[in-house]
């Protein structure tokens, strides 16, 4: 597999990954700012974002929780990589931030019956009793467009991965996504050594 073919396949996969990440990030902006999402799924995602940002006022406490979560996640991830701690940073961040919000009283009910930041609510104790779920036929029309979009995105991603696997099989070379190019020099050198070991193992099996 020459550099041009590998670059094309990597570009396709990175494009799918970047597009999915952007859609997920846009969908969480309303929750990060503490505002209710506006618009329906039939409208463009950027138009729905505009309606969300221009609708209700921003909840400063919710925004502070979001910013603190991102900053703390970045700091803990850097500490994990530098001191080789167990990778539990993404598990520790929600515990610390939620504990801080509870200590500040942002999760307690105020006079209007609402909390300063949105919470899940009270969870029921015990396991749910067995029952037959409710099925409404009008849900099919509401969920069909979302299901079709997810199916198309999944097929596109599977097609890109199958092309990459087929090229790697015919050329007997290991396919790796070059995400390490934007990493630090130490990580790039570590990635080169690991890639060299994999290439030597593949050549030894021929």
N, C-alpha and C. Protein backbone atom coordinates (compact mmCIF):
# COMPACT_ATOMS: atom_id res chain seq x y z
N UNK A 1 0.85 -1.19 0.00
CA UNK A 1 0.00 0.00 0.00
C UNK A 1 0.89 1.24 0.00
N UNK A 2 0.81 2.03 -1.05
CA UNK A 2 1.66 3.20 -1.13
C UNK A 2 1.12 4.32 -0.26
N UNK A 3 1.87 5.41 -0.19
CA UNK A 3 1.49 6.51 0.70
C UNK A 3 0.19 7.17 0.26
N UNK A 4 -0.06 7.23 -1.05
CA UNK A 4 -1.28 7.87 -1.52
C UNK A 4 -2.51 7.07 -1.14
N UNK A 5 -2.46 5.74 -1.31
CA UNK A 5 -3.59 4.91 -0.92
C UNK A 5 -3.83 4.94 0.58
N UNK A 6 -2.76 4.85 1.34
CA UNK A 6 -2.91 4.88 2.78
C UNK A 6 -3.45 6.21 3.26
N UNK A 7 -2.99 7.29 2.65
CA UNK A 7 -3.50 8.60 3.04
C UNK A 7 -4.96 8.78 2.71
N UNK A 8 -5.42 8.20 1.58
CA UNK A 8 -6.83 8.31 1.22
C UNK A 8 -7.71 7.56 2.21
N UNK A 9 -7.29 6.34 2.58
CA UNK A 9 -8.08 5.57 3.53
C UNK A 9 -8.09 6.23 4.89
N UNK A 10 -6.94 6.71 5.33
CA UNK A 10 -6.87 7.39 6.61
C UNK A 10 -7.74 8.65 6.62
N UNK A 11 -7.77 9.36 5.50
CA UNK A 11 -8.58 10.57 5.42
C UNK A 11 -10.07 10.25 5.55
N UNK A 12 -10.50 9.14 4.93
CA UNK A 12 -11.91 8.76 5.01
C UNK A 12 -12.29 8.41 6.45
N UNK A 13 -11.47 7.60 7.11
CA UNK A 13 -11.78 7.19 8.47
C UNK A 13 -11.72 8.37 9.43
N UNK A 14 -10.70 9.20 9.28
CA UNK A 14 -10.60 10.39 10.14
C UNK A 14 -11.76 11.35 9.89
N UNK A 15 -12.24 11.41 8.62
CA UNK A 15 -13.39 12.25 8.34
C UNK A 15 -14.63 11.78 9.05
N UNK A 16 -14.88 10.47 9.04
CA UNK A 16 -16.03 9.94 9.78
C UNK A 16 -15.90 10.20 11.27
N UNK A 17 -14.72 9.96 11.81
CA UNK A 17 -14.51 10.15 13.25
C UNK A 17 -14.66 11.62 13.64
N UNK A 18 -14.11 12.52 12.82
CA UNK A 18 -14.22 13.95 13.13
C UNK A 18 -15.66 14.42 13.01
N UNK A 19 -16.38 13.94 11.99
CA UNK A 19 -17.78 14.33 11.84
C UNK A 19 -18.63 13.87 13.01
N UNK A 20 -18.43 12.63 13.45
CA UNK A 20 -19.18 12.14 14.61
C UNK A 20 -18.84 12.92 15.87
N UNK A 21 -17.56 13.26 16.04
CA UNK A 21 -17.16 14.04 17.22
C UNK A 21 -17.77 15.43 17.21
N UNK A 22 -17.82 16.05 16.03
CA UNK A 22 -18.41 17.40 15.94
C UNK A 22 -19.91 17.36 16.26
N UNK A 23 -20.62 16.36 15.73
CA UNK A 23 -22.06 16.25 16.02
C UNK A 23 -22.31 16.01 17.50
N UNK A 24 -21.49 15.16 18.12
CA UNK A 24 -21.66 14.93 19.55
C UNK A 24 -21.37 16.18 20.37
N UNK A 25 -20.34 16.91 19.98
CA UNK A 25 -20.00 18.14 20.70
C UNK A 25 -21.10 19.19 20.56
N UNK A 26 -21.64 19.34 19.36
CA UNK A 26 -22.72 20.31 19.16
C UNK A 26 -23.96 19.93 19.96
N UNK A 27 -24.24 18.63 20.02
CA UNK A 27 -25.41 18.19 20.77
C UNK A 27 -25.30 18.40 22.26
N UNK A 28 -24.09 18.55 22.78
CA UNK A 28 -23.90 18.72 24.22
C UNK A 28 -23.69 20.17 24.63
N UNK A 29 -23.71 21.10 23.68
CA UNK A 29 -23.50 22.50 24.04
C UNK A 29 -24.64 23.03 24.91
N UNK A 30 -25.87 22.66 24.57
CA UNK A 30 -27.00 23.10 25.38
C UNK A 30 -26.91 22.60 26.81
N UNK A 31 -26.54 21.33 26.99
CA UNK A 31 -26.39 20.80 28.34
C UNK A 31 -25.23 21.47 29.08
N UNK A 32 -24.16 21.77 28.36
CA UNK A 32 -23.01 22.41 29.00
C UNK A 32 -23.34 23.81 29.49
N UNK A 33 -24.21 24.51 28.79
CA UNK A 33 -24.57 25.88 29.17
C UNK A 33 -25.83 25.93 30.02
N UNK A 34 -26.45 24.79 30.27
CA UNK A 34 -27.63 24.76 31.13
C UNK A 34 -28.87 25.33 30.49
N UNK A 35 -29.02 25.22 29.19
CA UNK A 35 -30.22 25.71 28.49
C UNK A 35 -30.92 24.54 27.83
N UNK A 36 -32.21 24.70 27.61
CA UNK A 36 -33.01 23.64 27.01
C UNK A 36 -32.86 23.69 25.49
N UNK A 37 -32.72 22.50 24.90
CA UNK A 37 -32.56 22.42 23.46
C UNK A 37 -33.86 22.78 22.76
N UNK A 38 -33.72 23.50 21.65
CA UNK A 38 -34.88 23.94 20.87
C UNK A 38 -34.82 23.29 19.49
N UNK A 39 -35.97 23.24 18.85
CA UNK A 39 -36.04 22.70 17.51
C UNK A 39 -36.26 21.19 17.53
N UNK A 40 -36.57 20.67 16.37
CA UNK A 40 -36.82 19.24 16.21
C UNK A 40 -35.72 18.61 15.36
N UNK A 41 -35.75 17.29 15.25
CA UNK A 41 -34.75 16.58 14.48
C UNK A 41 -34.84 16.80 12.99
N UNK A 42 -35.95 17.37 12.51
CA UNK A 42 -36.10 17.62 11.07
C UNK A 42 -35.34 18.87 10.63
N UNK A 43 -34.90 19.69 11.57
CA UNK A 43 -34.17 20.91 11.23
C UNK A 43 -32.68 20.66 11.26
N UNK A 44 -31.94 21.57 10.62
CA UNK A 44 -30.49 21.43 10.55
C UNK A 44 -29.90 21.57 11.95
N UNK A 45 -28.80 20.84 12.19
CA UNK A 45 -28.21 20.82 13.51
C UNK A 45 -27.69 22.19 13.91
N UNK A 46 -27.14 22.95 12.97
CA UNK A 46 -26.64 24.29 13.30
C UNK A 46 -27.79 25.25 13.58
N UNK A 47 -28.92 25.08 12.88
CA UNK A 47 -30.08 25.93 13.15
C UNK A 47 -30.67 25.62 14.53
N UNK A 48 -30.69 24.34 14.89
CA UNK A 48 -31.14 23.98 16.23
C UNK A 48 -30.21 24.54 17.30
N UNK A 49 -28.90 24.55 17.01
CA UNK A 49 -27.96 25.13 17.95
C UNK A 49 -28.20 26.63 18.11
N UNK A 50 -28.50 27.31 17.01
CA UNK A 50 -28.79 28.74 17.08
C UNK A 50 -30.05 29.00 17.90
N UNK A 51 -31.09 28.21 17.71
CA UNK A 51 -32.30 28.37 18.50
C UNK A 51 -32.04 28.10 19.98
N UNK A 52 -31.19 27.14 20.26
CA UNK A 52 -30.88 26.81 21.65
C UNK A 52 -30.12 27.94 22.34
N UNK A 53 -29.15 28.51 21.63
CA UNK A 53 -28.32 29.55 22.24
C UNK A 53 -29.05 30.88 22.38
N UNK A 54 -30.00 31.14 21.49
CA UNK A 54 -30.73 32.41 21.53
C UNK A 54 -32.06 32.30 22.27
N UNK A 55 -32.38 31.16 22.82
CA UNK A 55 -33.65 30.99 23.51
C UNK A 55 -33.59 31.42 24.96
N UNK A 56 -33.18 30.54 25.82
CA UNK A 56 -33.11 30.80 27.25
C UNK A 56 -31.77 31.41 27.63
N UNK A 57 -31.71 32.14 28.74
CA UNK A 57 -30.43 32.68 29.20
C UNK A 57 -29.50 31.57 29.68
N UNK A 58 -28.23 31.81 29.58
CA UNK A 58 -27.22 30.81 29.95
C UNK A 58 -27.17 30.69 31.47
N UNK A 59 -27.12 29.46 31.94
CA UNK A 59 -26.96 29.19 33.36
C UNK A 59 -25.47 29.22 33.69
N UNK A 60 -25.05 30.27 34.40
CA UNK A 60 -23.63 30.45 34.68
C UNK A 60 -23.06 29.34 35.56
N UNK A 61 -23.86 28.82 36.46
CA UNK A 61 -23.38 27.75 37.33
C UNK A 61 -23.17 26.46 36.54
N UNK A 62 -24.08 26.17 35.63
CA UNK A 62 -23.91 25.00 34.78
C UNK A 62 -22.70 25.16 33.87
N UNK A 63 -22.50 26.38 33.34
CA UNK A 63 -21.32 26.62 32.51
C UNK A 63 -20.04 26.48 33.32
N UNK A 64 -20.06 26.91 34.58
CA UNK A 64 -18.88 26.76 35.44
C UNK A 64 -18.57 25.29 35.69
N UNK A 65 -19.61 24.48 35.88
CA UNK A 65 -19.41 23.04 36.07
C UNK A 65 -18.81 22.42 34.81
N UNK A 66 -19.28 22.83 33.64
CA UNK A 66 -18.76 22.29 32.38
C UNK A 66 -17.30 22.67 32.18
N UNK A 67 -16.98 23.94 32.39
CA UNK A 67 -15.59 24.39 32.21
C UNK A 67 -14.66 23.70 33.21
N UNK A 68 -15.11 23.57 34.45
CA UNK A 68 -14.29 22.90 35.46
C UNK A 68 -14.06 21.44 35.10
N UNK A 69 -15.08 20.79 34.52
CA UNK A 69 -14.93 19.39 34.12
C UNK A 69 -13.89 19.24 33.02
N UNK A 70 -13.94 20.13 32.02
CA UNK A 70 -12.99 20.04 30.91
C UNK A 70 -11.57 20.31 31.39
N UNK A 71 -11.39 21.36 32.20
CA UNK A 71 -10.05 21.70 32.70
C UNK A 71 -9.50 20.59 33.57
N UNK A 72 -10.33 20.06 34.46
CA UNK A 72 -9.87 18.99 35.34
C UNK A 72 -9.55 17.73 34.55
N UNK A 73 -10.33 17.44 33.51
CA UNK A 73 -10.05 16.26 32.69
C UNK A 73 -8.71 16.40 31.97
N UNK A 74 -8.42 17.59 31.44
CA UNK A 74 -7.15 17.80 30.75
C UNK A 74 -5.96 17.70 31.71
N UNK A 75 -6.11 18.26 32.90
CA UNK A 75 -5.03 18.20 33.87
C UNK A 75 -4.77 16.78 34.36
N UNK A 76 -5.84 16.05 34.64
CA UNK A 76 -5.66 14.67 35.09
C UNK A 76 -5.11 13.78 33.99
N UNK A 77 -5.53 14.01 32.74
CA UNK A 77 -4.98 13.20 31.66
C UNK A 77 -3.48 13.47 31.49
N UNK A 78 -3.07 14.73 31.64
CA UNK A 78 -1.64 15.03 31.55
C UNK A 78 -0.87 14.39 32.70
N UNK A 79 -1.46 14.40 33.91
CA UNK A 79 -0.79 13.77 35.05
C UNK A 79 -0.72 12.26 34.87
N UNK A 80 -1.76 11.65 34.31
CA UNK A 80 -1.76 10.20 34.09
C UNK A 80 -0.65 9.81 33.11
N UNK A 81 -0.51 10.58 32.03
CA UNK A 81 0.51 10.27 31.03
C UNK A 81 1.92 10.55 31.55
N UNK A 82 2.05 11.56 32.38
CA UNK A 82 3.39 11.93 32.84
C UNK A 82 3.89 11.00 33.93
N UNK A 83 3.03 10.70 34.91
CA UNK A 83 3.44 9.88 36.05
C UNK A 83 3.00 8.42 35.92
N UNK A 84 2.37 8.06 34.77
CA UNK A 84 1.97 6.68 34.48
C UNK A 84 1.02 6.15 35.53
N UNK A 85 0.04 6.96 35.91
CA UNK A 85 -0.99 6.52 36.83
C UNK A 85 -2.00 5.65 36.09
N UNK A 86 -2.81 4.89 36.81
CA UNK A 86 -3.90 4.15 36.14
C UNK A 86 -4.86 5.12 35.45
N UNK A 87 -5.35 4.76 34.29
CA UNK A 87 -6.19 5.65 33.49
C UNK A 87 -7.63 5.63 34.00
N UNK A 88 -7.81 6.29 35.14
CA UNK A 88 -9.14 6.42 35.74
C UNK A 88 -9.53 7.89 35.83
N UNK A 89 -8.89 8.72 34.99
CA UNK A 89 -9.15 10.15 35.08
C UNK A 89 -10.59 10.49 34.69
N UNK A 90 -11.11 9.83 33.64
CA UNK A 90 -12.47 10.11 33.22
C UNK A 90 -13.51 9.57 34.20
N UNK A 91 -13.09 8.68 35.09
CA UNK A 91 -13.97 8.20 36.14
C UNK A 91 -13.93 9.10 37.36
N UNK A 92 -12.78 9.72 37.59
CA UNK A 92 -12.61 10.57 38.77
C UNK A 92 -13.23 11.94 38.56
N UNK A 93 -13.16 12.46 37.34
CA UNK A 93 -13.64 13.82 37.06
C UNK A 93 -15.12 13.99 37.42
N UNK A 94 -16.05 13.13 36.97
CA UNK A 94 -17.46 13.33 37.37
C UNK A 94 -17.67 13.27 38.88
N UNK A 95 -16.91 12.42 39.57
CA UNK A 95 -17.07 12.32 41.02
C UNK A 95 -16.65 13.61 41.70
N UNK A 96 -15.51 14.16 41.27
CA UNK A 96 -15.02 15.40 41.90
C UNK A 96 -15.95 16.57 41.60
N UNK A 97 -16.35 16.71 40.33
CA UNK A 97 -17.18 17.85 39.96
C UNK A 97 -18.57 17.76 40.59
N UNK A 98 -19.17 16.58 40.57
CA UNK A 98 -20.49 16.44 41.18
C UNK A 98 -20.42 16.63 42.69
N UNK A 99 -19.34 16.15 43.32
CA UNK A 99 -19.18 16.38 44.75
C UNK A 99 -19.02 17.85 45.08
N UNK A 100 -18.27 18.59 44.23
CA UNK A 100 -18.12 20.03 44.45
C UNK A 100 -19.45 20.76 44.27
N UNK A 101 -20.23 20.36 43.26
CA UNK A 101 -21.54 20.99 43.05
C UNK A 101 -22.47 20.72 44.22
N UNK A 102 -22.41 19.51 44.77
CA UNK A 102 -23.24 19.20 45.93
C UNK A 102 -22.79 19.98 47.16
N UNK A 103 -21.47 20.12 47.35
CA UNK A 103 -20.96 20.88 48.50
C UNK A 103 -21.34 22.35 48.42
N UNK A 104 -21.40 22.90 47.21
CA UNK A 104 -21.80 24.30 47.03
C UNK A 104 -23.30 24.50 47.11
N UNK A 105 -24.07 23.44 47.18
CA UNK A 105 -25.51 23.55 47.28
C UNK A 105 -26.22 23.77 45.97
N UNK A 106 -25.55 23.48 44.85
CA UNK A 106 -26.17 23.71 43.54
C UNK A 106 -27.13 22.59 43.14
N UNK A 107 -27.14 21.49 43.87
CA UNK A 107 -28.04 20.38 43.55
C UNK A 107 -29.25 20.31 44.47
N UNK A 108 -29.40 21.28 45.34
CA UNK A 108 -30.53 21.30 46.27
C UNK A 108 -31.68 22.12 45.68
N UNK A 109 -32.88 21.76 46.08
CA UNK A 109 -34.06 22.45 45.58
C UNK A 109 -34.14 23.86 46.16
N UNK A 110 -34.44 24.82 45.29
CA UNK A 110 -34.59 26.21 45.71
C UNK A 110 -36.07 26.53 45.93
N UNK A 111 -36.39 27.79 46.06
CA UNK A 111 -37.76 28.19 46.34
C UNK A 111 -38.71 27.83 45.20
N UNK A 112 -38.27 27.94 43.98
CA UNK A 112 -39.12 27.62 42.85
C UNK A 112 -39.26 26.14 42.56
N UNK A 113 -38.63 25.30 43.37
CA UNK A 113 -38.70 23.86 43.15
C UNK A 113 -37.70 23.35 42.14
N UNK A 114 -36.71 24.18 41.76
CA UNK A 114 -35.69 23.79 40.79
C UNK A 114 -34.32 23.86 41.46
N UNK A 115 -33.37 23.19 40.86
CA UNK A 115 -31.99 23.22 41.33
C UNK A 115 -31.17 24.19 40.48
N UNK A 116 -30.04 24.61 41.03
CA UNK A 116 -29.19 25.56 40.30
C UNK A 116 -28.65 24.94 39.03
N UNK A 117 -28.30 23.67 39.05
CA UNK A 117 -27.88 22.93 37.87
C UNK A 117 -28.79 21.72 37.72
N UNK A 118 -28.99 21.29 36.49
CA UNK A 118 -29.90 20.17 36.23
C UNK A 118 -29.32 18.88 36.79
N UNK A 119 -30.17 18.10 37.42
CA UNK A 119 -29.77 16.82 37.99
C UNK A 119 -30.67 15.73 37.42
N UNK A 120 -30.23 14.51 37.55
CA UNK A 120 -31.01 13.38 37.04
C UNK A 120 -32.31 13.23 37.79
N UNK A 121 -32.25 13.42 39.08
CA UNK A 121 -33.44 13.24 39.91
C UNK A 121 -33.24 12.07 40.86
N UNK A 122 -34.29 11.77 41.60
CA UNK A 122 -34.23 10.69 42.57
C UNK A 122 -34.40 9.35 41.87
N UNK A 123 -33.47 8.46 42.12
CA UNK A 123 -33.54 7.13 41.54
C UNK A 123 -34.36 6.21 42.43
N UNK A 124 -35.15 5.38 41.81
CA UNK A 124 -35.98 4.44 42.56
C UNK A 124 -35.10 3.35 43.15
N UNK A 125 -35.41 2.99 44.37
CA UNK A 125 -34.66 1.93 45.02
C UNK A 125 -35.19 0.57 44.59
N UNK A 126 -34.29 -0.40 44.48
CA UNK A 126 -34.69 -1.73 44.09
C UNK A 126 -34.73 -1.91 42.60
N UNK A 127 -34.95 -3.14 42.18
CA UNK A 127 -35.02 -3.48 40.77
C UNK A 127 -36.43 -3.29 40.24
N UNK A 128 -36.59 -2.92 38.96
CA UNK A 128 -37.94 -2.77 38.40
C UNK A 128 -38.64 -4.12 38.30
N UNK A 129 -39.93 -4.09 38.47
CA UNK A 129 -40.71 -5.32 38.38
C UNK A 129 -40.90 -5.72 36.93
N UNK A 130 -40.99 -7.00 36.63
CA UNK A 130 -41.18 -7.43 35.23
C UNK A 130 -42.53 -6.94 34.68
N UNK A 131 -42.51 -6.41 33.48
CA UNK A 131 -43.72 -5.91 32.86
C UNK A 131 -43.51 -5.87 31.35
N UNK A 132 -44.58 -5.80 30.63
CA UNK A 132 -44.54 -5.71 29.17
C UNK A 132 -44.40 -4.24 28.79
N UNK A 133 -43.37 -3.87 28.03
CA UNK A 133 -43.20 -2.45 27.69
C UNK A 133 -44.31 -1.96 26.77
N UNK A 134 -44.60 -0.67 26.89
CA UNK A 134 -45.62 -0.06 26.04
C UNK A 134 -45.05 0.21 24.65
N UNK A 135 -45.83 -0.09 23.66
CA UNK A 135 -45.43 0.11 22.26
C UNK A 135 -46.50 0.94 21.57
N UNK A 136 -46.12 2.06 21.02
CA UNK A 136 -47.03 2.93 20.29
C UNK A 136 -46.56 2.98 18.83
N UNK A 137 -47.50 2.78 17.92
CA UNK A 137 -47.14 2.73 16.50
C UNK A 137 -46.68 4.08 15.97
N UNK A 138 -47.09 5.17 16.60
CA UNK A 138 -46.63 6.48 16.11
C UNK A 138 -45.16 6.73 16.41
N UNK A 139 -44.58 5.91 17.28
CA UNK A 139 -43.15 6.05 17.54
C UNK A 139 -42.31 5.63 16.34
N UNK A 140 -42.86 4.75 15.50
CA UNK A 140 -42.10 4.27 14.34
C UNK A 140 -41.79 5.43 13.39
N UNK A 141 -42.77 6.27 13.14
CA UNK A 141 -42.53 7.42 12.27
C UNK A 141 -41.57 8.42 12.87
N UNK A 142 -41.58 8.58 14.19
CA UNK A 142 -40.69 9.54 14.83
C UNK A 142 -39.24 9.04 14.88
N UNK A 143 -39.06 7.73 15.01
CA UNK A 143 -37.72 7.18 15.13
C UNK A 143 -37.12 6.70 13.82
N UNK A 144 -37.95 6.63 12.77
CA UNK A 144 -37.45 6.07 11.51
C UNK A 144 -36.35 6.92 10.89
N UNK A 145 -36.52 8.25 10.90
CA UNK A 145 -35.50 9.11 10.29
C UNK A 145 -34.17 9.00 11.02
N UNK A 146 -34.22 8.95 12.35
CA UNK A 146 -32.98 8.82 13.12
C UNK A 146 -32.34 7.46 12.87
N UNK A 147 -33.16 6.41 12.80
CA UNK A 147 -32.62 5.07 12.57
C UNK A 147 -31.97 4.97 11.19
N UNK A 148 -32.58 5.57 10.18
CA UNK A 148 -32.02 5.53 8.84
C UNK A 148 -30.69 6.30 8.78
N UNK A 149 -30.63 7.45 9.45
CA UNK A 149 -29.39 8.22 9.46
C UNK A 149 -28.27 7.45 10.15
N UNK A 150 -28.58 6.79 11.26
CA UNK A 150 -27.56 6.00 11.96
C UNK A 150 -27.12 4.82 11.11
N UNK A 151 -28.08 4.20 10.40
CA UNK A 151 -27.72 3.06 9.55
C UNK A 151 -26.81 3.48 8.41
N UNK A 152 -27.09 4.63 7.79
CA UNK A 152 -26.25 5.12 6.70
C UNK A 152 -24.84 5.45 7.20
N UNK A 153 -24.76 6.10 8.36
CA UNK A 153 -23.45 6.42 8.91
C UNK A 153 -22.67 5.16 9.27
N UNK A 154 -23.36 4.16 9.81
CA UNK A 154 -22.69 2.91 10.17
C UNK A 154 -22.19 2.17 8.93
N UNK A 155 -23.01 2.16 7.87
CA UNK A 155 -22.58 1.50 6.63
C UNK A 155 -21.37 2.20 6.02
N UNK A 156 -21.36 3.54 6.06
CA UNK A 156 -20.21 4.26 5.53
C UNK A 156 -18.94 3.97 6.31
N UNK A 157 -19.05 3.92 7.64
CA UNK A 157 -17.88 3.61 8.45
C UNK A 157 -17.41 2.18 8.22
N UNK A 158 -18.35 1.23 8.11
CA UNK A 158 -17.97 -0.16 7.84
C UNK A 158 -17.33 -0.31 6.47
N UNK A 159 -17.80 0.47 5.50
CA UNK A 159 -17.20 0.42 4.17
C UNK A 159 -15.75 0.90 4.20
N UNK A 160 -15.52 2.01 4.91
CA UNK A 160 -14.15 2.53 4.99
C UNK A 160 -13.23 1.54 5.71
N UNK A 161 -13.71 0.94 6.78
CA UNK A 161 -12.89 -0.03 7.51
C UNK A 161 -12.65 -1.29 6.68
N UNK A 162 -13.64 -1.73 5.93
CA UNK A 162 -13.44 -2.92 5.08
C UNK A 162 -12.44 -2.65 3.97
N UNK A 163 -12.47 -1.45 3.41
CA UNK A 163 -11.48 -1.09 2.38
C UNK A 163 -10.07 -1.10 2.97
N UNK A 164 -9.93 -0.52 4.15
CA UNK A 164 -8.62 -0.50 4.80
C UNK A 164 -8.14 -1.91 5.12
N UNK A 165 -9.05 -2.77 5.60
CA UNK A 165 -8.67 -4.14 5.92
C UNK A 165 -8.30 -4.92 4.66
N UNK A 166 -9.03 -4.70 3.57
CA UNK A 166 -8.74 -5.40 2.33
C UNK A 166 -7.37 -4.99 1.78
N UNK A 167 -7.08 -3.70 1.81
CA UNK A 167 -5.77 -3.23 1.32
C UNK A 167 -4.65 -3.79 2.18
N UNK A 168 -4.86 -3.81 3.50
CA UNK A 168 -3.83 -4.35 4.38
C UNK A 168 -3.64 -5.84 4.17
N UNK A 169 -4.73 -6.56 3.84
CA UNK A 169 -4.62 -8.00 3.62
C UNK A 169 -3.86 -8.32 2.33
N UNK A 170 -4.16 -7.59 1.27
CA UNK A 170 -3.50 -7.87 -0.02
C UNK A 170 -2.04 -7.43 -0.03
N UNK A 171 -1.74 -6.36 0.67
CA UNK A 171 -0.36 -5.88 0.69
C UNK A 171 0.44 -6.46 1.85
N UNK A 172 -0.24 -7.19 2.76
CA UNK A 172 0.40 -7.78 3.93
C UNK A 172 1.17 -6.75 4.73
N UNK A 173 0.51 -5.62 4.93
CA UNK A 173 1.09 -4.57 5.76
C UNK A 173 0.08 -4.15 6.80
N UNK A 174 0.58 -3.72 7.95
CA UNK A 174 -0.29 -3.34 9.05
C UNK A 174 -0.81 -1.94 8.79
N UNK A 175 -2.12 -1.77 8.93
CA UNK A 175 -2.74 -0.45 8.72
C UNK A 175 -2.91 0.22 10.06
N UNK A 176 -2.37 1.41 10.21
CA UNK A 176 -2.52 2.18 11.43
C UNK A 176 -2.92 3.59 11.06
N UNK A 177 -3.87 4.12 11.81
CA UNK A 177 -4.30 5.49 11.60
C UNK A 177 -3.26 6.42 12.20
N UNK A 178 -2.81 7.37 11.42
CA UNK A 178 -1.67 8.21 11.84
C UNK A 178 -2.15 9.34 12.73
N UNK A 179 -2.78 8.98 13.86
CA UNK A 179 -3.16 10.02 14.80
C UNK A 179 -1.98 10.49 15.63
N UNK A 180 -0.91 9.68 15.68
CA UNK A 180 0.23 10.03 16.51
C UNK A 180 1.07 11.12 15.89
N UNK A 181 0.78 11.54 14.68
CA UNK A 181 1.60 12.58 14.05
C UNK A 181 1.47 13.91 14.77
N UNK A 182 0.30 14.15 15.37
CA UNK A 182 0.08 15.41 16.08
C UNK A 182 0.42 15.31 17.56
N UNK A 183 0.98 14.17 18.00
CA UNK A 183 1.29 13.99 19.40
C UNK A 183 2.65 14.60 19.73
N UNK A 184 3.00 14.48 21.00
CA UNK A 184 4.30 15.00 21.44
C UNK A 184 5.42 14.16 20.85
N UNK A 185 6.67 14.70 20.81
CA UNK A 185 7.78 13.92 20.24
C UNK A 185 8.00 12.59 20.94
N UNK A 186 7.86 12.54 22.27
CA UNK A 186 8.06 11.27 22.98
C UNK A 186 7.01 10.24 22.57
N UNK A 187 5.76 10.69 22.40
CA UNK A 187 4.72 9.76 21.97
C UNK A 187 4.93 9.33 20.52
N UNK A 188 5.41 10.23 19.68
CA UNK A 188 5.67 9.86 18.29
C UNK A 188 6.78 8.83 18.21
N UNK A 189 7.84 9.01 18.99
CA UNK A 189 8.92 8.04 18.98
C UNK A 189 8.45 6.69 19.50
N UNK A 190 7.62 6.71 20.53
CA UNK A 190 7.08 5.46 21.05
C UNK A 190 6.19 4.77 20.02
N UNK A 191 5.42 5.57 19.30
CA UNK A 191 4.57 4.99 18.26
C UNK A 191 5.38 4.41 17.12
N UNK A 192 6.48 5.07 16.74
CA UNK A 192 7.33 4.53 15.68
C UNK A 192 7.95 3.20 16.10
N UNK A 193 8.41 3.10 17.34
CA UNK A 193 9.01 1.85 17.80
C UNK A 193 7.98 0.72 17.82
N UNK A 194 6.76 1.03 18.31
CA UNK A 194 5.72 0.01 18.33
C UNK A 194 5.34 -0.42 16.92
N UNK A 195 5.25 0.56 16.00
CA UNK A 195 4.91 0.22 14.62
C UNK A 195 6.01 -0.62 13.98
N UNK A 196 7.27 -0.33 14.29
CA UNK A 196 8.37 -1.12 13.75
C UNK A 196 8.34 -2.55 14.26
N UNK A 197 8.00 -2.74 15.53
CA UNK A 197 7.91 -4.10 16.06
C UNK A 197 6.80 -4.89 15.37
N UNK A 198 5.66 -4.23 15.13
CA UNK A 198 4.55 -4.91 14.46
C UNK A 198 4.95 -5.29 13.04
N UNK A 199 5.64 -4.39 12.33
CA UNK A 199 6.06 -4.68 10.96
C UNK A 199 7.03 -5.85 10.93
N UNK A 200 7.94 -5.92 11.88
CA UNK A 200 8.89 -7.03 11.91
C UNK A 200 8.20 -8.35 12.20
N UNK A 201 7.18 -8.34 13.04
CA UNK A 201 6.44 -9.58 13.30
C UNK A 201 5.69 -10.05 12.07
N UNK A 202 5.09 -9.07 11.34
CA UNK A 202 4.38 -9.45 10.12
C UNK A 202 5.32 -10.02 9.09
N UNK A 203 6.49 -9.42 8.91
CA UNK A 203 7.46 -9.92 7.95
C UNK A 203 7.99 -11.29 8.36
N UNK A 204 8.09 -11.54 9.67
CA UNK A 204 8.60 -12.85 10.11
C UNK A 204 7.60 -13.97 9.86
N UNK A 205 6.30 -13.63 9.78
CA UNK A 205 5.28 -14.65 9.55
C UNK A 205 5.13 -15.02 8.09
N UNK A 206 5.70 -14.23 7.20
CA UNK A 206 5.54 -14.52 5.75
C UNK A 206 6.28 -15.81 5.37
